[in-house]
Amino acid sequence: MENIDSKENFIRLVNQYKNLVFSVCLKLTGDYFAAEDITQETFILAYTHYESFDGNAEKAWICRIASNKCIDYQRQAARRLTYMPEEELPEECMSTSEDPLQMYLNEETLKKLSDGCANLPKPYDGIAKAYFIDGLTAREIAEKEDKNVKTIQTQIYRAREMLKKTIRKEDLLS
């Protein structure tokens, strides 16, 4: 495996796994904006520790880093919570799930993100769905839409900015 010191190899790593890492982070945190931050942190950590990586199962390695960063995020979030006796909690807060992680893996979060994408003006609605929901790369979308990659990248950026304005973290977690 080529050393990560080469700029091209790091760029390849990011381009190849950015959508996968983001979707893992989104599923594990249930928070779109935290998932973006954790995705960036994942690649920074991968860059700084690549020399100790043996070069086998790169995809599994990068996903493992992402999931560990999500676990750290959840632990920090748990420390920030104020606890109250169970009898004082509203009924809708009571979880019947045995695994607390399942609360974050619900389909409702992705549905809200999908609805947010669908409410964007054309052509951003289709681009946002393809990128954020379907996990296609800008290049794949450009080929599918028969458009320039830079145009698609710009539309993804603008769609992300519109989503940030319309979807609050609270909306994704409610």
N, C-alpha and C. Protein backbone atom coordinates (compact mmCIF):
# COMPACT_ATOMS: atom_id res chain seq x y z
N MET A 1 0.85 -1.18 0.00
CA MET A 1 0.00 0.00 0.00
C MET A 1 0.89 1.23 0.00
N GLU A 2 0.58 2.16 -0.85
CA GLU A 2 1.32 3.41 -0.96
C GLU A 2 1.16 4.22 0.32
N ASN A 3 2.20 4.96 0.72
CA ASN A 3 2.18 5.75 1.93
C ASN A 3 1.21 6.92 1.81
N ILE A 4 0.48 7.21 2.88
CA ILE A 4 -0.52 8.27 2.86
C ILE A 4 0.12 9.64 2.73
N ASP A 5 1.45 9.73 2.89
CA ASP A 5 2.12 11.01 2.76
C ASP A 5 1.88 11.62 1.39
N SER A 6 1.61 10.79 0.41
CA SER A 6 1.35 11.36 -0.90
C SER A 6 -0.03 11.99 -0.90
N LYS A 7 -0.08 13.22 -1.37
CA LYS A 7 -1.32 13.99 -1.41
C LYS A 7 -2.38 13.26 -2.23
N GLU A 8 -1.96 12.67 -3.33
CA GLU A 8 -2.90 11.98 -4.22
C GLU A 8 -3.58 10.80 -3.53
N ASN A 9 -2.82 10.08 -2.72
CA ASN A 9 -3.39 8.91 -2.04
C ASN A 9 -4.41 9.33 -0.99
N PHE A 10 -4.13 10.42 -0.27
CA PHE A 10 -5.09 10.90 0.71
C PHE A 10 -6.36 11.40 0.02
N ILE A 11 -6.19 12.11 -1.08
CA ILE A 11 -7.35 12.58 -1.84
C ILE A 11 -8.17 11.40 -2.34
N ARG A 12 -7.50 10.35 -2.79
CA ARG A 12 -8.19 9.14 -3.23
C ARG A 12 -8.98 8.53 -2.09
N LEU A 13 -8.36 8.46 -0.92
CA LEU A 13 -9.01 7.88 0.26
C LEU A 13 -10.29 8.66 0.60
N VAL A 14 -10.19 9.98 0.62
CA VAL A 14 -11.34 10.81 0.94
C VAL A 14 -12.43 10.66 -0.12
N ASN A 15 -12.04 10.76 -1.39
CA ASN A 15 -13.03 10.67 -2.47
C ASN A 15 -13.71 9.31 -2.52
N GLN A 16 -12.95 8.28 -2.23
CA GLN A 16 -13.50 6.92 -2.32
C GLN A 16 -14.47 6.61 -1.18
N TYR A 17 -14.22 7.15 0.02
CA TYR A 17 -14.99 6.73 1.18
C TYR A 17 -15.81 7.82 1.85
N LYS A 18 -15.82 9.05 1.33
CA LYS A 18 -16.50 10.14 2.03
C LYS A 18 -18.01 9.89 2.18
N ASN A 19 -18.66 9.40 1.15
CA ASN A 19 -20.11 9.16 1.25
C ASN A 19 -20.41 8.00 2.19
N LEU A 20 -19.61 6.97 2.13
CA LEU A 20 -19.79 5.82 3.01
C LEU A 20 -19.61 6.24 4.47
N VAL A 21 -18.53 6.96 4.75
CA VAL A 21 -18.25 7.39 6.12
C VAL A 21 -19.37 8.30 6.62
N PHE A 22 -19.82 9.23 5.77
CA PHE A 22 -20.92 10.11 6.18
C PHE A 22 -22.18 9.32 6.50
N SER A 23 -22.51 8.35 5.67
CA SER A 23 -23.75 7.59 5.92
C SER A 23 -23.63 6.75 7.20
N VAL A 24 -22.44 6.21 7.47
CA VAL A 24 -22.23 5.48 8.73
C VAL A 24 -22.42 6.42 9.91
N CYS A 25 -21.83 7.61 9.82
CA CYS A 25 -21.93 8.59 10.91
C CYS A 25 -23.37 9.05 11.10
N LEU A 26 -24.08 9.26 10.02
CA LEU A 26 -25.48 9.70 10.12
C LEU A 26 -26.34 8.62 10.78
N LYS A 27 -26.13 7.38 10.40
CA LYS A 27 -26.92 6.29 10.98
C LYS A 27 -26.60 6.10 12.46
N LEU A 28 -25.34 6.30 12.84
CA LEU A 28 -24.96 6.06 14.23
C LEU A 28 -25.27 7.24 15.15
N THR A 29 -25.30 8.45 14.62
CA THR A 29 -25.57 9.61 15.48
C THR A 29 -27.00 10.09 15.37
N GLY A 30 -27.62 9.91 14.21
CA GLY A 30 -28.96 10.44 14.01
C GLY A 30 -28.97 11.95 13.86
N ASP A 31 -27.79 12.53 13.68
CA ASP A 31 -27.67 13.99 13.60
C ASP A 31 -26.88 14.34 12.34
N TYR A 32 -27.56 14.93 11.37
CA TYR A 32 -26.95 15.24 10.08
C TYR A 32 -25.69 16.09 10.23
N PHE A 33 -25.78 17.14 11.03
CA PHE A 33 -24.66 18.08 11.14
C PHE A 33 -23.51 17.49 11.95
N ALA A 34 -23.82 16.72 12.97
CA ALA A 34 -22.77 16.03 13.72
C ALA A 34 -22.08 15.01 12.82
N ALA A 35 -22.86 14.36 11.96
CA ALA A 35 -22.29 13.38 11.03
C ALA A 35 -21.29 14.04 10.10
N GLU A 36 -21.59 15.26 9.64
CA GLU A 36 -20.64 15.99 8.80
C GLU A 36 -19.34 16.24 9.55
N ASP A 37 -19.45 16.70 10.79
CA ASP A 37 -18.26 16.99 11.60
C ASP A 37 -17.46 15.72 11.88
N ILE A 38 -18.14 14.66 12.24
CA ILE A 38 -17.45 13.41 12.56
C ILE A 38 -16.79 12.82 11.32
N THR A 39 -17.40 13.01 10.16
CA THR A 39 -16.79 12.56 8.91
C THR A 39 -15.45 13.25 8.71
N GLN A 40 -15.41 14.55 8.93
CA GLN A 40 -14.16 15.28 8.80
C GLN A 40 -13.14 14.79 9.82
N GLU A 41 -13.57 14.62 11.06
CA GLU A 41 -12.67 14.13 12.10
C GLU A 41 -12.13 12.74 11.77
N THR A 42 -12.96 11.92 11.15
CA THR A 42 -12.53 10.57 10.77
C THR A 42 -11.37 10.63 9.80
N PHE A 43 -11.47 11.48 8.80
CA PHE A 43 -10.41 11.56 7.80
C PHE A 43 -9.15 12.21 8.37
N ILE A 44 -9.30 13.13 9.29
CA ILE A 44 -8.12 13.71 9.94
C ILE A 44 -7.40 12.64 10.74
N LEU A 45 -8.16 11.85 11.48
CA LEU A 45 -7.57 10.77 12.27
C LEU A 45 -6.93 9.71 11.37
N ALA A 46 -7.60 9.38 10.28
CA ALA A 46 -7.04 8.41 9.34
C ALA A 46 -5.72 8.92 8.76
N TYR A 47 -5.68 10.19 8.46
CA TYR A 47 -4.46 10.78 7.90
C TYR A 47 -3.31 10.71 8.90
N THR A 48 -3.60 11.04 10.16
CA THR A 48 -2.54 11.07 11.16
C THR A 48 -2.08 9.68 11.59
N HIS A 49 -2.91 8.66 11.38
CA HIS A 49 -2.55 7.30 11.82
C HIS A 49 -2.32 6.32 10.66
N TYR A 50 -2.24 6.82 9.47
CA TYR A 50 -2.12 5.93 8.31
C TYR A 50 -0.83 5.13 8.32
N GLU A 51 0.23 5.69 8.88
CA GLU A 51 1.52 4.99 8.91
C GLU A 51 1.44 3.69 9.72
N SER A 52 0.58 3.66 10.72
CA SER A 52 0.46 2.44 11.53
C SER A 52 -0.53 1.44 10.93
N PHE A 53 -1.22 1.83 9.86
CA PHE A 53 -2.19 0.95 9.19
C PHE A 53 -1.44 -0.05 8.31
N ASP A 54 -1.83 -1.33 8.38
CA ASP A 54 -1.12 -2.38 7.64
C ASP A 54 -1.48 -2.44 6.16
N GLY A 55 -2.49 -1.70 5.73
CA GLY A 55 -2.85 -1.67 4.31
C GLY A 55 -3.92 -2.66 3.92
N ASN A 56 -4.34 -3.52 4.81
CA ASN A 56 -5.38 -4.50 4.52
C ASN A 56 -6.74 -3.97 4.97
N ALA A 57 -7.76 -4.25 4.20
CA ALA A 57 -9.14 -3.89 4.52
C ALA A 57 -9.29 -2.40 4.82
N GLU A 58 -8.90 -1.59 3.87
CA GLU A 58 -8.95 -0.14 4.04
C GLU A 58 -10.36 0.36 4.35
N LYS A 59 -11.33 -0.19 3.65
CA LYS A 59 -12.73 0.21 3.84
C LYS A 59 -13.19 -0.09 5.27
N ALA A 60 -12.89 -1.27 5.76
CA ALA A 60 -13.27 -1.64 7.13
C ALA A 60 -12.54 -0.77 8.15
N TRP A 61 -11.28 -0.46 7.87
CA TRP A 61 -10.48 0.37 8.76
C TRP A 61 -11.07 1.77 8.89
N ILE A 62 -11.41 2.39 7.78
CA ILE A 62 -11.95 3.76 7.81
C ILE A 62 -13.35 3.77 8.45
N CYS A 63 -14.14 2.73 8.21
CA CYS A 63 -15.47 2.64 8.84
C CYS A 63 -15.35 2.42 10.35
N ARG A 64 -14.33 1.70 10.76
CA ARG A 64 -14.11 1.45 12.18
C ARG A 64 -13.74 2.75 12.89
N ILE A 65 -12.90 3.55 12.24
CA ILE A 65 -12.55 4.85 12.81
C ILE A 65 -13.81 5.70 12.96
N ALA A 66 -14.63 5.71 11.91
CA ALA A 66 -15.87 6.50 11.94
C ALA A 66 -16.79 6.03 13.07
N SER A 67 -16.97 4.73 13.20
CA SER A 67 -17.87 4.24 14.24
C SER A 67 -17.32 4.54 15.64
N ASN A 68 -16.01 4.46 15.81
CA ASN A 68 -15.42 4.81 17.10
C ASN A 68 -15.62 6.30 17.42
N LYS A 69 -15.48 7.15 16.41
CA LYS A 69 -15.71 8.59 16.61
C LYS A 69 -17.18 8.84 16.98
N CYS A 70 -18.09 8.08 16.39
CA CYS A 70 -19.52 8.22 16.72
C CYS A 70 -19.80 7.78 18.15
N ILE A 71 -19.16 6.72 18.56
CA ILE A 71 -19.32 6.25 19.94
C ILE A 71 -18.81 7.32 20.91
N ASP A 72 -17.66 7.93 20.59
CA ASP A 72 -17.14 9.02 21.42
C ASP A 72 -18.13 10.18 21.48
N TYR A 73 -18.71 10.51 20.33
CA TYR A 73 -19.70 11.59 20.26
C TYR A 73 -20.89 11.27 21.16
N GLN A 74 -21.37 10.05 21.11
CA GLN A 74 -22.54 9.66 21.91
C GLN A 74 -22.22 9.67 23.40
N ARG A 75 -21.01 9.27 23.76
CA ARG A 75 -20.62 9.31 25.17
C ARG A 75 -20.58 10.75 25.67
N GLN A 76 -20.04 11.63 24.86
CA GLN A 76 -19.99 13.05 25.24
C GLN A 76 -21.40 13.61 25.37
N ALA A 77 -22.28 13.23 24.46
CA ALA A 77 -23.66 13.70 24.51
C ALA A 77 -24.35 13.18 25.77
N ALA A 78 -24.06 11.94 26.14
CA ALA A 78 -24.67 11.35 27.33
C ALA A 78 -24.22 12.09 28.59
N ARG A 79 -22.96 12.54 28.61
CA ARG A 79 -22.47 13.28 29.78
C ARG A 79 -23.15 14.64 29.91
N ARG A 80 -23.57 15.21 28.80
CA ARG A 80 -24.20 16.52 28.82
C ARG A 80 -25.68 16.46 29.23
N LEU A 81 -26.25 15.27 29.24
CA LEU A 81 -27.67 15.12 29.58
C LEU A 81 -27.90 15.36 31.07
N THR A 82 -29.05 15.91 31.38
CA THR A 82 -29.47 16.05 32.76
C THR A 82 -30.42 14.89 33.04
N TYR A 83 -30.13 14.14 34.07
CA TYR A 83 -30.94 12.98 34.38
C TYR A 83 -32.06 13.34 35.34
N MET A 84 -33.20 12.70 35.15
CA MET A 84 -34.33 12.88 36.05
C MET A 84 -34.90 11.49 36.34
N PRO A 85 -35.58 11.37 37.47
CA PRO A 85 -36.16 10.06 37.81
C PRO A 85 -37.11 9.59 36.70
N GLU A 86 -37.13 8.30 36.50
CA GLU A 86 -37.91 7.71 35.41
C GLU A 86 -39.39 8.07 35.48
N GLU A 87 -39.93 8.17 36.68
CA GLU A 87 -41.36 8.48 36.80
C GLU A 87 -41.69 9.91 36.37
N GLU A 88 -40.68 10.79 36.26
CA GLU A 88 -40.92 12.17 35.84
C GLU A 88 -40.78 12.34 34.32
N LEU A 89 -40.30 11.31 33.64
CA LEU A 89 -40.12 11.41 32.19
C LEU A 89 -41.45 11.31 31.46
N PRO A 90 -41.63 12.10 30.40
CA PRO A 90 -42.84 11.93 29.59
C PRO A 90 -42.86 10.53 28.98
N GLU A 91 -44.05 10.01 28.75
CA GLU A 91 -44.19 8.64 28.25
C GLU A 91 -43.48 8.42 26.93
N GLU A 92 -43.50 9.46 26.03
CA GLU A 92 -42.86 9.28 24.73
C GLU A 92 -41.34 9.16 24.82
N CYS A 93 -40.77 9.53 25.97
CA CYS A 93 -39.32 9.41 26.14
C CYS A 93 -38.91 8.01 26.60
N MET A 94 -39.87 7.24 27.03
CA MET A 94 -39.55 5.90 27.51
C MET A 94 -39.29 4.99 26.32
N SER A 95 -38.13 4.37 26.31
CA SER A 95 -37.74 3.53 25.19
C SER A 95 -38.05 2.07 25.51
N THR A 96 -38.59 1.39 24.51
CA THR A 96 -38.83 -0.04 24.67
C THR A 96 -37.71 -0.84 24.04
N SER A 97 -36.79 -0.16 23.39
CA SER A 97 -35.67 -0.83 22.73
C SER A 97 -34.66 -1.29 23.78
N GLU A 98 -34.17 -2.50 23.61
CA GLU A 98 -33.18 -3.01 24.54
C GLU A 98 -31.81 -2.40 24.26
N ASP A 99 -31.53 -2.05 23.04
CA ASP A 99 -30.23 -1.51 22.64
C ASP A 99 -30.36 0.01 22.44
N PRO A 100 -29.70 0.82 23.27
CA PRO A 100 -29.81 2.27 23.13
C PRO A 100 -29.35 2.76 21.76
N LEU A 101 -28.43 2.07 21.14
CA LEU A 101 -27.95 2.48 19.82
C LEU A 101 -29.07 2.42 18.78
N GLN A 102 -30.04 1.55 18.99
CA GLN A 102 -31.16 1.43 18.06
C GLN A 102 -31.95 2.73 17.94
N MET A 103 -31.97 3.52 19.02
CA MET A 103 -32.68 4.80 18.97
C MET A 103 -32.10 5.67 17.86
N TYR A 104 -30.81 5.54 17.62
CA TYR A 104 -30.14 6.39 16.65
C TYR A 104 -30.17 5.81 15.24
N LEU A 105 -30.56 4.60 15.12
CA LEU A 105 -30.56 3.94 13.83
C LEU A 105 -31.94 3.93 13.17
N ASN A 106 -32.83 4.77 13.67
CA ASN A 106 -34.19 4.72 13.13
C ASN A 106 -34.27 5.33 11.74
N GLU A 107 -35.24 4.88 11.04
CA GLU A 107 -35.44 5.32 9.67
C GLU A 107 -36.03 6.72 9.60
N GLU A 108 -36.58 7.19 10.68
CA GLU A 108 -37.21 8.50 10.69
C GLU A 108 -36.23 9.62 10.34
N THR A 109 -35.01 9.50 10.80
CA THR A 109 -34.00 10.52 10.51
C THR A 109 -33.76 10.61 9.01
N LEU A 110 -33.58 9.47 8.39
CA LEU A 110 -33.35 9.48 6.95
C LEU A 110 -34.59 9.96 6.19
N LYS A 111 -35.76 9.65 6.71
CA LYS A 111 -36.99 10.13 6.07
C LYS A 111 -37.06 11.65 6.12
N LYS A 112 -36.72 12.23 7.25
CA LYS A 112 -36.75 13.68 7.37
C LYS A 112 -35.73 14.33 6.44
N LEU A 113 -34.56 13.72 6.33
CA LEU A 113 -33.56 14.24 5.41
C LEU A 113 -34.05 14.10 3.98
N SER A 114 -34.66 12.97 3.67
CA SER A 114 -35.21 12.75 2.33
C SER A 114 -36.30 13.77 2.01
N ASP A 115 -37.18 14.03 2.98
CA ASP A 115 -38.22 15.04 2.80
C ASP A 115 -37.62 16.42 2.57
N GLY A 116 -36.56 16.72 3.33
CA GLY A 116 -35.87 17.99 3.16
C GLY A 116 -35.30 18.13 1.76
N CYS A 117 -34.73 17.05 1.24
CA CYS A 117 -34.19 17.05 -0.13
C CYS A 117 -35.32 17.25 -1.14
N ALA A 118 -36.43 16.58 -0.93
CA ALA A 118 -37.55 16.67 -1.87
C ALA A 118 -38.16 18.08 -1.91
N ASN A 119 -38.02 18.83 -0.82
CA ASN A 119 -38.58 20.18 -0.76
C ASN A 119 -37.67 21.25 -1.35
N LEU A 120 -36.48 20.85 -1.77
CA LEU A 120 -35.57 21.81 -2.40
C LEU A 120 -36.05 22.13 -3.81
N PRO A 121 -35.72 23.33 -4.32
CA PRO A 121 -36.10 23.65 -5.69
C PRO A 121 -35.31 22.80 -6.69
N LYS A 122 -35.84 22.65 -7.90
CA LYS A 122 -35.13 21.94 -8.95
C LYS A 122 -33.93 22.75 -9.37
N PRO A 123 -32.82 22.22 -9.71
CA PRO A 123 -32.42 20.83 -9.81
C PRO A 123 -31.84 20.28 -8.51
N TYR A 124 -31.85 21.10 -7.45
CA TYR A 124 -31.19 20.71 -6.21
C TYR A 124 -31.85 19.52 -5.53
N ASP A 125 -33.16 19.34 -5.72
CA ASP A 125 -33.86 18.24 -5.08
C ASP A 125 -33.30 16.88 -5.51
N GLY A 126 -33.18 16.70 -6.81
CA GLY A 126 -32.67 15.42 -7.32
C GLY A 126 -31.20 15.21 -7.01
N ILE A 127 -30.42 16.28 -7.10
CA ILE A 127 -28.99 16.20 -6.81
C ILE A 127 -28.79 15.85 -5.34
N ALA A 128 -29.53 16.53 -4.44
CA ALA A 128 -29.39 16.28 -3.01
C ALA A 128 -29.79 14.84 -2.66
N LYS A 129 -30.88 14.35 -3.26
CA LYS A 129 -31.30 12.97 -2.99
C LYS A 129 -30.24 11.98 -3.45
N ALA A 130 -29.74 12.20 -4.65
CA ALA A 130 -28.72 11.28 -5.19
C ALA A 130 -27.47 11.27 -4.32
N TYR A 131 -27.08 12.44 -3.84
CA TYR A 131 -25.83 12.54 -3.08
C TYR A 131 -26.01 12.13 -1.62
N PHE A 132 -26.98 12.73 -0.92
CA PHE A 132 -27.11 12.51 0.52
C PHE A 132 -27.88 11.25 0.88
N ILE A 133 -28.83 10.84 0.06
CA ILE A 133 -29.65 9.67 0.39
C ILE A 133 -29.12 8.42 -0.32
N ASP A 134 -28.89 8.53 -1.64
CA ASP A 134 -28.47 7.36 -2.40
C ASP A 134 -26.97 7.10 -2.30
N GLY A 135 -26.20 8.10 -1.85
CA GLY A 135 -24.76 7.92 -1.65
C GLY A 135 -23.94 7.94 -2.92
N LEU A 136 -24.47 8.54 -3.99
CA LEU A 136 -23.70 8.63 -5.23
C LEU A 136 -22.65 9.73 -5.10
N THR A 137 -21.55 9.58 -5.82
CA THR A 137 -20.52 10.62 -5.83
C THR A 137 -20.92 11.69 -6.85
N ALA A 138 -20.26 12.83 -6.76
CA ALA A 138 -20.53 13.91 -7.71
C ALA A 138 -20.25 13.43 -9.14
N ARG A 139 -19.22 12.66 -9.32
CA ARG A 139 -18.88 12.14 -10.64
C ARG A 139 -19.98 11.21 -11.16
N GLU A 140 -20.49 10.34 -10.31
CA GLU A 140 -21.55 9.42 -10.72
C GLU A 140 -22.82 10.19 -11.09
N ILE A 141 -23.13 11.21 -10.30
CA ILE A 141 -24.32 12.02 -10.61
C ILE A 141 -24.12 12.76 -11.93
N ALA A 142 -22.92 13.30 -12.14
CA ALA A 142 -22.62 14.03 -13.38
C ALA A 142 -22.78 13.12 -14.59
N GLU A 143 -22.30 11.90 -14.48
CA GLU A 143 -22.44 10.94 -15.58
C GLU A 143 -23.91 10.60 -15.83
N LYS A 144 -24.64 10.40 -14.76
CA LYS A 144 -26.06 10.05 -14.86
C LYS A 144 -26.88 11.20 -15.46
N GLU A 145 -26.55 12.42 -15.04
CA GLU A 145 -27.29 13.61 -15.49
C GLU A 145 -26.71 14.20 -16.77
N ASP A 146 -25.58 13.66 -17.22
CA ASP A 146 -24.87 14.17 -18.39
C ASP A 146 -24.53 15.66 -18.22
N LYS A 147 -23.92 15.96 -17.06
CA LYS A 147 -23.52 17.33 -16.74
C LYS A 147 -22.05 17.34 -16.31
N ASN A 148 -21.49 18.53 -16.25
CA ASN A 148 -20.12 18.73 -15.81
C ASN A 148 -20.01 18.42 -14.31
N VAL A 149 -18.91 17.79 -13.89
CA VAL A 149 -18.72 17.42 -12.48
C VAL A 149 -18.70 18.68 -11.60
N LYS A 150 -18.06 19.74 -12.07
CA LYS A 150 -17.99 20.98 -11.28
C LYS A 150 -19.39 21.56 -11.06
N THR A 151 -20.25 21.46 -12.06
CA THR A 151 -21.62 21.94 -11.92
C THR A 151 -22.34 21.15 -10.82
N ILE A 152 -22.17 19.85 -10.85
CA ILE A 152 -22.80 18.98 -9.84
C ILE A 152 -22.24 19.29 -8.45
N GLN A 153 -20.93 19.48 -8.35
CA GLN A 153 -20.32 19.81 -7.06
C GLN A 153 -20.88 21.12 -6.51
N THR A 154 -21.05 22.09 -7.37
CA THR A 154 -21.64 23.37 -6.95
C THR A 154 -23.07 23.17 -6.48
N GLN A 155 -23.83 22.37 -7.21
CA GLN A 155 -25.22 22.12 -6.83
C GLN A 155 -25.31 21.35 -5.51
N ILE A 156 -24.38 20.44 -5.27
CA ILE A 156 -24.35 19.70 -3.99
C ILE A 156 -24.06 20.69 -2.86
N TYR A 157 -23.10 21.57 -3.07
CA TYR A 157 -22.75 22.56 -2.05
C TYR A 157 -23.97 23.45 -1.74
N ARG A 158 -24.63 23.94 -2.77
CA ARG A 158 -25.79 24.82 -2.57
C ARG A 158 -26.94 24.06 -1.90
N ALA A 159 -27.13 22.81 -2.30
CA ALA A 159 -28.19 21.99 -1.67
C ALA A 159 -27.89 21.80 -0.19
N ARG A 160 -26.63 21.56 0.15
CA ARG A 160 -26.24 21.38 1.55
C ARG A 160 -26.54 22.65 2.34
N GLU A 161 -26.21 23.80 1.78
CA GLU A 161 -26.46 25.07 2.46
C GLU A 161 -27.96 25.30 2.66
N MET A 162 -28.77 24.96 1.65
CA MET A 162 -30.22 25.11 1.78
C MET A 162 -30.77 24.16 2.84
N LEU A 163 -30.24 22.93 2.88
CA LEU A 163 -30.69 21.97 3.89
C LEU A 163 -30.33 22.43 5.29
N LYS A 164 -29.16 23.03 5.45
CA LYS A 164 -28.76 23.53 6.76
C LYS A 164 -29.74 24.59 7.26
N LYS A 165 -30.27 25.38 6.34
CA LYS A 165 -31.20 26.44 6.72
C LYS A 165 -32.60 25.89 7.01
N THR A 166 -32.96 24.81 6.37
CA THR A 166 -34.33 24.30 6.52
C THR A 166 -34.45 23.16 7.53
N ILE A 167 -33.38 22.41 7.73
CA ILE A 167 -33.44 21.27 8.65
C ILE A 167 -32.60 21.60 9.87
N ARG A 168 -33.25 21.68 11.00
CA ARG A 168 -32.52 21.90 12.25
C ARG A 168 -32.20 20.55 12.85
N LYS A 169 -31.19 20.52 13.69
CA LYS A 169 -30.81 19.28 14.38
C LYS A 169 -32.00 18.72 15.16
N GLU A 170 -32.77 19.61 15.79
CA GLU A 170 -33.90 19.16 16.59
C GLU A 170 -34.93 18.44 15.73
N ASP A 171 -35.10 18.91 14.47
CA ASP A 171 -36.07 18.28 13.58
C ASP A 171 -35.66 16.85 13.25
N LEU A 172 -34.36 16.61 13.12
CA LEU A 172 -33.90 15.27 12.77
C LEU A 172 -34.01 14.32 13.96
N LEU A 173 -33.94 14.85 15.15
CA LEU A 173 -33.95 13.99 16.33
C LEU A 173 -35.32 13.87 16.97
N SER A 174 -36.27 14.64 16.54
CA SER A 174 -37.59 14.59 17.19
C SER A 174 -38.40 13.40 16.70
